[in-house]
C-alpha atoms as a PDB file:
ATOM      1  CA  UNK A   1      87.652 104.661  88.139  1.00  0.00           C
ATOM      2  CA  UNK A   2      88.180 100.920  87.738  1.00  0.00           C
ATOM      3  CA  UNK A   3      89.372 100.056  84.209  1.00  0.00           C
ATOM      4  CA  UNK A   4      89.891  96.442  83.177  1.00  0.00           C
ATOM      5  CA  UNK A   5      89.620  95.356  86.818  1.00  0.00           C
ATOM      6  CA  UNK A   6      92.208  97.788  88.194  1.00  0.00           C
ATOM      7  CA  UNK A   7      92.091 101.193  89.872  1.00  0.00           C
ATOM      8  CA  UNK A   8      93.462 104.386  88.377  1.00  0.00           C
ATOM      9  CA  UNK A   9      96.903 104.951  89.940  1.00  0.00           C
ATOM     10  CA  UNK A  10      99.188 107.957  90.139  1.00  0.00           C
ATOM     11  CA  UNK A  11     102.699 108.914  91.224  1.00  0.00           C
ATOM     12  CA  UNK A  12     104.007 112.278  92.365  1.00  0.00           C
ATOM     13  CA  UNK A  13     107.785 112.633  92.586  1.00  0.00           C
ATOM     14  CA  UNK A  14     109.786 115.604  93.548  1.00  0.00           C
ATOM     15  CA  UNK A  15     112.612 117.317  95.282  1.00  0.00           C
ATOM     16  CA  UNK A  16     111.621 119.602  98.117  1.00  0.00           C
ATOM     17  CA  UNK A  17     114.856 121.533  98.341  1.00  0.00           C
ATOM     18  CA  UNK A  18     116.432 122.843 101.523  1.00  0.00           C
ATOM     19  CA  UNK A  19     114.436 124.472 104.332  1.00  0.00           C
ATOM     20  CA  UNK A  20     115.386 126.674 107.257  1.00  0.00           C
ATOM     21  CA  UNK A  21     112.316 125.968 109.407  1.00  0.00           C
ATOM     22  CA  UNK A  22     109.982 123.101 110.264  1.00  0.00           C
ATOM     23  CA  UNK A  23     106.373 122.702 109.141  1.00  0.00           C
ATOM     24  CA  UNK A  24     104.201 121.015 106.533  1.00  0.00           C
ATOM     25  CA  UNK A  25     106.163 120.723 103.276  1.00  0.00           C
ATOM     26  CA  UNK A  26     103.864 118.526 101.121  1.00  0.00           C
ATOM     27  CA  UNK A  27     100.121 117.801 101.207  1.00  0.00           C
ATOM     28  CA  UNK A  28      97.806 115.628  99.127  1.00  0.00           C
ATOM     29  CA  UNK A  29      94.155 116.573  99.594  1.00  0.00           C
ATOM     30  CA  UNK A  30      91.385 113.997  99.312  1.00  0.00           C
ATOM     31  CA  UNK A  31      88.532 114.187  96.829  1.00  0.00           C
ATOM     32  CA  UNK A  32      84.782 114.770  97.191  1.00  0.00           C
ATOM     33  CA  UNK A  33      84.021 112.187  94.497  1.00  0.00           C
ATOM     34  CA  UNK A  34      86.641 109.444  95.019  1.00  0.00           C
ATOM     35  CA  UNK A  35      88.402 107.555  97.796  1.00  0.00           C
ATOM     36  CA  UNK A  36      92.143 108.247  97.656  1.00  0.00           C
ATOM     37  CA  UNK A  37      94.262 105.291  98.807  1.00  0.00           C
ATOM     38  CA  UNK A  38      97.908 106.023  99.637  1.00  0.00           C
ATOM     39  CA  UNK A  39      99.869 102.961  98.479  1.00  0.00           C
ATOM     40  CA  UNK A  40     103.543 103.896  98.724  1.00  0.00           C
ATOM     41  CA  UNK A  41     105.551 106.669 100.349  1.00  0.00           C
ATOM     42  CA  UNK A  42     109.297 107.124  99.964  1.00  0.00           C
ATOM     43  CA  UNK A  43     111.024 109.917 101.882  1.00  0.00           C
ATOM     44  CA  UNK A  44     114.687 110.777 101.768  1.00  0.00           C
ATOM     45  CA  UNK A  45     117.263 113.253 102.992  1.00  0.00           C
ATOM     46  CA  UNK A  46     120.616 113.890 101.322  1.00  0.00           C
ATOM     47  CA  UNK A  47     123.306 116.336 102.495  1.00  0.00           C
ATOM     48  CA  UNK A  48     124.712 118.881 100.084  1.00  0.00           C
ATOM     49  CA  UNK A  49     128.527 118.547 100.077  1.00  0.00           C
ATOM     50  CA  UNK A  50     130.350 121.231 102.022  1.00  0.00           C
ATOM     51  CA  UNK A  51     127.209 123.007 103.265  1.00  0.00           C
ATOM     52  CA  UNK A  52     125.682 120.691 105.836  1.00  0.00           C
ATOM     53  CA  UNK A  53     124.852 122.255 109.186  1.00  0.00           C
ATOM     54  CA  UNK A  54     122.354 119.629 110.287  1.00  0.00           C
ATOM     55  CA  UNK A  55     122.213 117.994 113.687  1.00  0.00           C
ATOM     56  CA  UNK A  56     118.852 116.187 113.541  1.00  0.00           C
ATOM     57  CA  UNK A  57     116.106 116.117 110.930  1.00  0.00           C
ATOM     58  CA  UNK A  58     112.800 114.305 111.277  1.00  0.00           C
ATOM     59  CA  UNK A  59     110.287 113.809 108.475  1.00  0.00           C
ATOM     60  CA  UNK A  60     106.876 112.394 109.309  1.00  0.00           C
ATOM     61  CA  UNK A  61     104.176 111.379 106.848  1.00  0.00           C
ATOM     62  CA  UNK A  62     100.585 110.743 107.842  1.00  0.00           C
ATOM     63  CA  UNK A  63      96.921 111.703 107.619  1.00  0.00           C
ATOM     64  CA  UNK A  64      95.694 115.030 108.955  1.00  0.00           C
ATOM     65  CA  UNK A  65      92.141 116.379 109.318  1.00  0.00           C
ATOM     66  CA  UNK A  66      92.889 120.105 109.157  1.00  0.00           C
ATOM     67  CA  UNK A  67      94.481 122.022 106.313  1.00  0.00           C
ATOM     68  CA  UNK A  68      97.909 123.538 106.947  1.00  0.00           C
ATOM     69  CA  UNK A  69      97.863 127.326 107.137  1.00  0.00           C
ATOM     70  CA  UNK A  70     100.461 129.956 106.292  1.00  0.00           C
ATOM     71  CA  UNK A  71     103.545 128.984 104.328  1.00  0.00           C
ATOM     72  CA  UNK A  72     104.192 129.567 100.649  1.00  0.00           C
ATOM     73  CA  UNK A  73     102.963 127.279  97.893  1.00  0.00           C
ATOM     74  CA  UNK A  74     105.805 126.280  95.570  1.00  0.00           C
ATOM     75  CA  UNK A  75     105.909 125.155  91.970  1.00  0.00           C
ATOM     76  CA  UNK A  76     103.916 121.964  91.407  1.00  0.00           C
ATOM     77  CA  UNK A  77     105.408 118.957  89.642  1.00  0.00           C
ATOM     78  CA  UNK A  78     103.580 116.906  87.028  1.00  0.00           C
ATOM     79  CA  UNK A  79     101.415 114.072  88.306  1.00  0.00           C
ATOM     80  CA  UNK A  80     102.397 110.832  86.597  1.00  0.00           C
ATOM     81  CA  UNK A  81      99.500 108.611  85.550  1.00  0.00           C
ATOM     82  CA  UNK A  82     100.519 104.945  85.866  1.00  0.00           C
ATOM     83  CA  UNK A  83      98.547 104.189  82.684  1.00  0.00           C
ATOM     84  CA  UNK A  84      97.657 106.399  79.731  1.00  0.00           C
ATOM     85  CA  UNK A  85      94.005 105.348  80.051  1.00  0.00           C
ATOM     86  CA  UNK A  86      93.696 106.697  83.606  1.00  0.00           C
ATOM     87  CA  UNK A  87      91.624 109.864  83.957  1.00  0.00           C
ATOM     88  CA  UNK A  88      93.024 113.062  85.427  1.00  0.00           C
ATOM     89  CA  UNK A  89      93.552 112.584  89.189  1.00  0.00           C
ATOM     90  CA  UNK A  90      90.997 113.855  91.692  1.00  0.00           C
ATOM     91  CA  UNK A  91      93.549 114.254  94.512  1.00  0.00           C
ATOM     92  CA  UNK A  92      95.242 117.634  94.813  1.00  0.00           C
ATOM     93  CA  UNK A  93      98.988 117.673  95.646  1.00  0.00           C
ATOM     94  CA  UNK A  94     100.575 120.861  97.031  1.00  0.00           C
ATOM     95  CA  UNK A  95     104.298 121.484  97.493  1.00  0.00           C
ATOM     96  CA  UNK A  96     105.262 124.193  99.994  1.00  0.00           C
ATOM     97  CA  UNK A  97     108.385 126.274  99.270  1.00  0.00           C
ATOM     98  CA  UNK A  98     108.098 127.814 102.741  1.00  0.00           C
ATOM     99  CA  UNK A  99     106.652 125.422 105.347  1.00  0.00           C
ATOM    100  CA  UNK A 100     103.028 125.796 106.440  1.00  0.00           C
ATOM    101  CA  UNK A 101     101.610 125.025 109.894  1.00  0.00           C
ATOM    102  CA  UNK A 102     101.783 121.482 111.312  1.00  0.00           C
ATOM    103  CA  UNK A 103      98.276 120.122 111.988  1.00  0.00           C
ATOM    104  CA  UNK A 104      98.132 117.156 114.367  1.00  0.00           C
ATOM    105  CA  UNK A 105      98.744 113.812 112.670  1.00  0.00           C
ATOM    106  CA  UNK A 106      95.951 111.257 112.955  1.00  0.00           C
ATOM    107  CA  UNK A 107      98.207 108.503 111.616  1.00  0.00           C
ATOM    108  CA  UNK A 108     101.979 108.823 111.528  1.00  0.00           C
ATOM    109  CA  UNK A 109     103.557 106.502 109.006  1.00  0.00           C
ATOM    110  CA  UNK A 110     107.211 107.308 108.520  1.00  0.00           C
ATOM    111  CA  UNK A 111     110.110 108.781 110.409  1.00  0.00           C
ATOM    112  CA  UNK A 112     113.425 109.620 108.771  1.00  0.00           C
ATOM    113  CA  UNK A 113     116.201 110.986 110.924  1.00  0.00           C
ATOM    114  CA  UNK A 114     119.618 112.219 109.863  1.00  0.00           C
ATOM    115  CA  UNK A 115     122.389 113.577 112.024  1.00  0.00           C
ATOM    116  CA  UNK A 116     125.787 115.068 111.328  1.00  0.00           C
ATOM    117  CA  UNK A 117     127.866 118.216 111.477  1.00  0.00           C
ATOM    118  CA  UNK A 118     129.910 120.396 109.158  1.00  0.00           C
ATOM    119  CA  UNK A 119     132.973 118.239 109.822  1.00  0.00           C
ATOM    120  CA  UNK A 120     131.252 114.837 109.687  1.00  0.00           C
ATOM    121  CA  UNK A 121     129.074 114.460 106.586  1.00  0.00           C
ATOM    122  CA  UNK A 122     125.908 112.462 106.959  1.00  0.00           C
ATOM    123  CA  UNK A 123     125.077 109.784 104.380  1.00  0.00           C
ATOM    124  CA  UNK A 124     121.758 109.939 102.580  1.00  0.00           C
ATOM    125  CA  UNK A 125     118.843 108.455 104.509  1.00  0.00           C
ATOM    126  CA  UNK A 126     115.774 106.970 102.793  1.00  0.00           C
ATOM    127  CA  UNK A 127     112.707 105.223 104.213  1.00  0.00           C
ATOM    128  CA  UNK A 128     109.910 103.558 102.246  1.00  0.00           C
ATOM    129  CA  UNK A 129     106.449 102.484 103.435  1.00  0.00           C
ATOM    130  CA  UNK A 130     104.123 100.319 101.346  1.00  0.00           C
ATOM    131  CA  UNK A 131     100.431 100.026 102.190  1.00  0.00           C
ATOM    132  CA  UNK A 132      97.852  97.512 101.016  1.00  0.00           C
ATOM    133  CA  UNK A 133     100.242  94.589 100.550  1.00  0.00           C
ATOM    134  CA  UNK A 134     100.360  91.397 102.580  1.00  0.00           C
ATOM    135  CA  UNK A 135      96.823  91.897 103.850  1.00  0.00           C
ATOM    136  CA  UNK A 136      97.412  95.397 105.248  1.00  0.00           C
ATOM    137  CA  UNK A 137      95.095  98.323 104.507  1.00  0.00           C
ATOM    138  CA  UNK A 138      96.000 101.352 102.479  1.00  0.00           C
ATOM    139  CA  UNK A 139      95.819 104.770 104.109  1.00  0.00           C
ATOM    140  CA  UNK A 140      92.538 106.276 102.896  1.00  0.00           C
ATOM    141  CA  UNK A 141      91.526 109.876 102.342  1.00  0.00           C
ATOM    142  CA  UNK A 142      87.732 110.076 102.439  1.00  0.00           C
ATOM    143  CA  UNK A 143      86.638 113.494 101.245  1.00  0.00           C
ATOM    144  CA  UNK A 144      88.165 116.932 100.941  1.00  0.00           C
ATOM    145  CA  UNK A 145      88.558 117.333 104.707  1.00  0.00           C
ATOM    146  CA  UNK A 146      91.382 114.782 104.847  1.00  0.00           C
ATOM    147  CA  UNK A 147      94.959 115.225 103.644  1.00  0.00           C
ATOM    148  CA  UNK A 148      98.137 113.183 103.492  1.00  0.00           C
ATOM    149  CA  UNK A 149     100.917 115.405 104.772  1.00  0.00           C
ATOM    150  CA  UNK A 150     104.704 115.334 105.035  1.00  0.00           C
ATOM    151  CA  UNK A 151     105.872 117.378 107.997  1.00  0.00           C
ATOM    152  CA  UNK A 152     109.386 118.494 108.837  1.00  0.00           C
ATOM    153  CA  UNK A 153     110.492 118.798 112.455  1.00  0.00           C
ATOM    154  CA  UNK A 154     113.906 120.447 112.421  1.00  0.00           C
ATOM    155  CA  UNK A 155     116.230 120.601 115.395  1.00  0.00           C
ATOM    156  CA  UNK A 156     119.242 122.922 115.097  1.00  0.00           C
ATOM    157  CA  UNK A 157     118.459 123.886 111.527  1.00  0.00           C
ATOM    158  CA  UNK A 158     118.420 122.009 108.260  1.00  0.00           C
ATOM    159  CA  UNK A 159     120.414 124.225 105.910  1.00  0.00           C
ATOM    160  CA  UNK A 160     122.461 122.137 103.510  1.00  0.00           C
ATOM    161  CA  UNK A 161     120.191 119.103 103.240  1.00  0.00           C
ATOM    162  CA  UNK A 162     118.021 118.197 100.292  1.00  0.00           C
ATOM    163  CA  UNK A 163     114.676 116.467 100.892  1.00  0.00           C
ATOM    164  CA  UNK A 164     113.014 114.280  98.241  1.00  0.00           C
ATOM    165  CA  UNK A 165     109.897 112.104  98.066  1.00  0.00           C
ATOM    166  CA  UNK A 166     107.752 109.703  96.021  1.00  0.00           C
ATOM    167  CA  UNK A 167     104.015 109.354  96.715  1.00  0.00           C
ATOM    168  CA  UNK A 168     101.846 106.735  94.946  1.00  0.00           C
ATOM    169  CA  UNK A 169      98.076 106.483  95.284  1.00  0.00           C
ATOM    170  CA  UNK A 170      95.016 104.983  93.641  1.00  0.00           C
ATOM    171  CA  UNK A 171      91.532 106.442  93.246  1.00  0.00           C
ATOM    172  CA  UNK A 172      88.143 104.798  92.992  1.00  0.00           C
END
């Protein structure tokens, strides 16, 4: 809903923990009544001291047109309204504690890669994408058959790394 000339905006922030397999680890489902516009995505990977066994990690964020299947839904975080006058969000975020399937990405937006070994710690790696600034379009979710998804593609395991994210969107 547009209030005082601006759109209702939301932020979802959270740690995703450490995973032992690849798959979909976060989804944001579109709404039947509103257009969801992804405005900002921040993805990061940080090694846990003394436990890292990672060789390569890849995180990809983008739009998918099929719901992930399988996996285990984890504990949801609180959605932050960017203004107290914004209504409850129509978009539905889901955090997976065990990765779900990886539907084909229609639009890939971000790639974060980290490499290292148990003897050579890897520094934290963070990538941010902003949409809808400088004349660019936001990534839109039009209806409940579209999702924004963060997928993990692990090579040689990812035990000992912590994954975190920030997703911001508007609805109208």
